[in-house]
C-alpha cells in the first residue's frame, strides 16, 4: 500500500461536497482570465497587497488596488452588498488574499480567493497591466 492509498479516499458524495465547497472559496487564474477576456466580469478583482507604486508597476488587468489593511465597512459601501469580490496577492507564499477574504467575509461580503496570485498569473502566461509591463514592451 502506498502513502496515496494508505488513507482511503472519501466516498464519492463526500468528495463532491468537499470539492464543491473548495470551489465556493476559490477560483483560479484561468477562470479569472477567461472572464476578463470574454467580458463576463461579474466580480470585482482586488489586488490586496503592496504599495500604490508596486500596483502601478504590475498588476492583473482590471484589478483595483485595495490593500487588505484598508478594507473597512465604510470603504466597502462603494459597492452593492451582493458584489462578489475576488482577492489576490503576490502568490502562494503570500497570505494577503486570505487576510482580505477574512475581512470581506466578516463584513458580510461574498468573496473568493484567486489561487496562485501574481505568481500563478505569470506561470499561466497571462499578460499584466502596469508601467513595468509597458516599459518591457517598448
Protein backbone atom coordinates (compact mmCIF):
# COMPACT_ATOMS: atom_id res chain seq x y z
CA UNK A 1 0.00 0.00 0.00
CA UNK A 2 1.31 3.47 -0.88
CA UNK A 3 1.02 6.68 1.09
CA UNK A 4 -1.53 7.68 -1.56
CA UNK A 5 -3.97 4.92 -0.63
CA UNK A 6 -2.88 4.34 2.99
CA UNK A 7 -5.84 6.53 3.95
CA UNK A 8 -8.69 5.54 1.64
CA UNK A 9 -10.33 8.22 -0.50
CA UNK A 10 -13.56 9.75 0.71
CA UNK A 11 -16.85 8.44 -0.58
CA UNK A 12 -17.96 9.99 -3.86
CA UNK A 13 -20.75 12.04 -2.22
CA UNK A 14 -18.30 13.33 0.43
CA UNK A 15 -15.71 14.14 -2.23
CA UNK A 16 -18.31 16.01 -4.31
CA UNK A 17 -19.33 18.08 -1.26
CA UNK A 18 -15.70 18.79 -0.35
CA UNK A 19 -14.57 19.87 -3.80
CA UNK A 20 -17.73 21.89 -4.41
CA UNK A 21 -17.07 23.66 -1.11
CA UNK A 22 -13.50 24.44 -2.18
CA UNK A 23 -14.77 25.96 -5.41
CA UNK A 24 -17.09 28.21 -3.41
CA UNK A 25 -14.00 29.65 -1.68
CA UNK A 26 -11.52 29.68 -4.57
CA UNK A 27 -11.18 30.47 -8.22
CA UNK A 28 -8.07 30.25 -10.35
CA UNK A 29 -6.11 32.41 -12.75
CA UNK A 30 -7.52 30.69 -15.83
CA UNK A 31 -11.13 31.31 -14.77
CA UNK A 32 -10.42 34.97 -13.99
CA UNK A 33 -8.57 35.40 -17.31
CA UNK A 34 -11.47 33.80 -19.17
CA UNK A 35 -13.97 36.15 -17.52
CA UNK A 36 -11.80 39.16 -18.38
CA UNK A 37 -11.29 38.05 -22.00
CA UNK A 38 -14.96 37.22 -22.58
CA UNK A 39 -16.32 40.35 -20.89
CA UNK A 40 -18.24 38.24 -18.37
CA UNK A 41 -16.79 40.01 -15.35
CA UNK A 42 -19.40 39.61 -12.63
CA UNK A 43 -16.99 40.26 -9.77
CA UNK A 44 -14.57 42.92 -8.54
CA UNK A 45 -10.94 41.83 -8.70
CA UNK A 46 -8.91 43.20 -5.80
CA UNK A 47 -5.11 43.44 -5.65
CA UNK A 48 -4.79 43.44 -1.87
CA UNK A 49 -1.08 43.83 -1.15
CA UNK A 50 1.74 46.24 -1.79
CA UNK A 51 2.02 49.94 -2.30
CA UNK A 52 0.29 52.04 -4.92
CA UNK A 53 3.65 52.27 -6.70
CA UNK A 54 4.02 48.48 -6.80
CA UNK A 55 0.49 48.13 -8.13
CA UNK A 56 1.14 50.78 -10.79
CA UNK A 57 4.18 48.84 -11.99
CA UNK A 58 2.49 45.44 -12.33
CA UNK A 59 -0.99 44.09 -11.69
CA UNK A 60 -3.68 41.97 -13.28
CA UNK A 61 -5.70 43.92 -15.87
CA UNK A 62 -8.97 45.21 -14.46
CA UNK A 63 -7.89 44.84 -10.83
CA UNK A 64 -8.41 47.55 -8.25
CA UNK A 65 -5.74 48.23 -5.65
CA UNK A 66 -7.26 47.88 -2.19
CA UNK A 67 -4.75 46.66 0.39
CA UNK A 68 -6.31 44.36 2.97
CA UNK A 69 -5.48 46.82 5.73
CA UNK A 70 -7.81 49.34 4.01
CA UNK A 71 -10.82 47.06 3.76
CA UNK A 72 -13.38 48.56 6.10
CA UNK A 73 -17.15 48.71 6.28
CA UNK A 74 -17.04 52.35 5.22
CA UNK A 75 -14.77 51.68 2.22
CA UNK A 76 -16.93 48.79 1.02
CA UNK A 77 -20.04 50.99 0.75
CA UNK A 78 -18.76 51.87 -2.74
CA UNK A 79 -20.22 48.54 -3.92
CA UNK A 80 -23.65 46.92 -3.60
CA UNK A 81 -23.96 44.34 -0.81
CA UNK A 82 -24.17 41.40 -3.23
CA UNK A 83 -20.98 42.29 -5.14
CA UNK A 84 -18.67 39.29 -5.43
CA UNK A 85 -15.04 40.10 -4.67
CA UNK A 86 -12.04 38.09 -5.83
CA UNK A 87 -8.86 38.78 -3.90
CA UNK A 88 -5.31 38.05 -4.98
CA UNK A 89 -1.86 38.75 -3.67
CA UNK A 90 1.73 38.03 -4.69
CA UNK A 91 1.35 34.27 -4.83
CA UNK A 92 1.33 31.07 -2.81
CA UNK A 93 3.96 32.49 -0.46
CA UNK A 94 1.67 35.41 0.49
CA UNK A 95 -1.39 35.38 2.75
CA UNK A 96 -2.69 38.83 1.86
CA UNK A 97 -5.54 37.40 -0.22
CA UNK A 98 -6.61 35.32 2.77
CA UNK A 99 -6.46 38.33 5.09
CA UNK A 100 -8.58 40.35 2.68
CA UNK A 101 -11.05 37.49 2.24
CA UNK A 102 -11.48 37.20 6.01
CA UNK A 103 -12.20 40.92 6.31
CA UNK A 104 -14.67 40.85 3.44
CA UNK A 105 -16.44 37.77 4.80
CA UNK A 106 -16.65 39.35 8.27
CA UNK A 107 -18.30 42.35 6.60
CA UNK A 108 -20.88 40.01 5.07
CA UNK A 109 -19.45 40.33 1.56
CA UNK A 110 -19.28 37.39 -0.89
CA UNK A 111 -15.64 36.61 -1.61
CA UNK A 112 -13.32 34.14 -3.29
CA UNK A 113 -9.56 33.96 -3.47
CA UNK A 114 -7.78 33.68 -6.79
CA UNK A 115 -5.31 30.91 -6.02
CA UNK A 116 -1.82 31.45 -7.39
CA UNK A 117 -1.94 35.24 -7.25
CA UNK A 118 0.56 37.15 -9.39
CA UNK A 119 2.88 34.14 -9.49
CA UNK A 120 0.14 31.89 -10.85
CA UNK A 121 -0.94 34.54 -13.36
CA UNK A 122 2.61 34.76 -14.67
CA UNK A 123 3.03 30.96 -14.69
CA UNK A 124 -0.08 30.71 -16.88
CA UNK A 125 1.43 33.21 -19.34
CA UNK A 126 -1.28 35.83 -18.91
CA UNK A 127 -0.45 39.49 -19.56
CA UNK A 128 -0.05 42.06 -16.81
CA UNK A 129 -1.00 45.72 -16.79
CA UNK A 130 1.20 48.50 -15.45
CA UNK A 131 4.19 50.67 -16.22
CA UNK A 132 6.69 47.83 -15.79
CA UNK A 133 4.86 45.86 -18.45
CA UNK A 134 4.62 48.88 -20.78
CA UNK A 135 8.33 49.63 -20.37
CA UNK A 136 9.23 46.00 -21.09
CA UNK A 137 7.16 46.06 -24.29
CA UNK A 138 8.92 49.16 -25.71
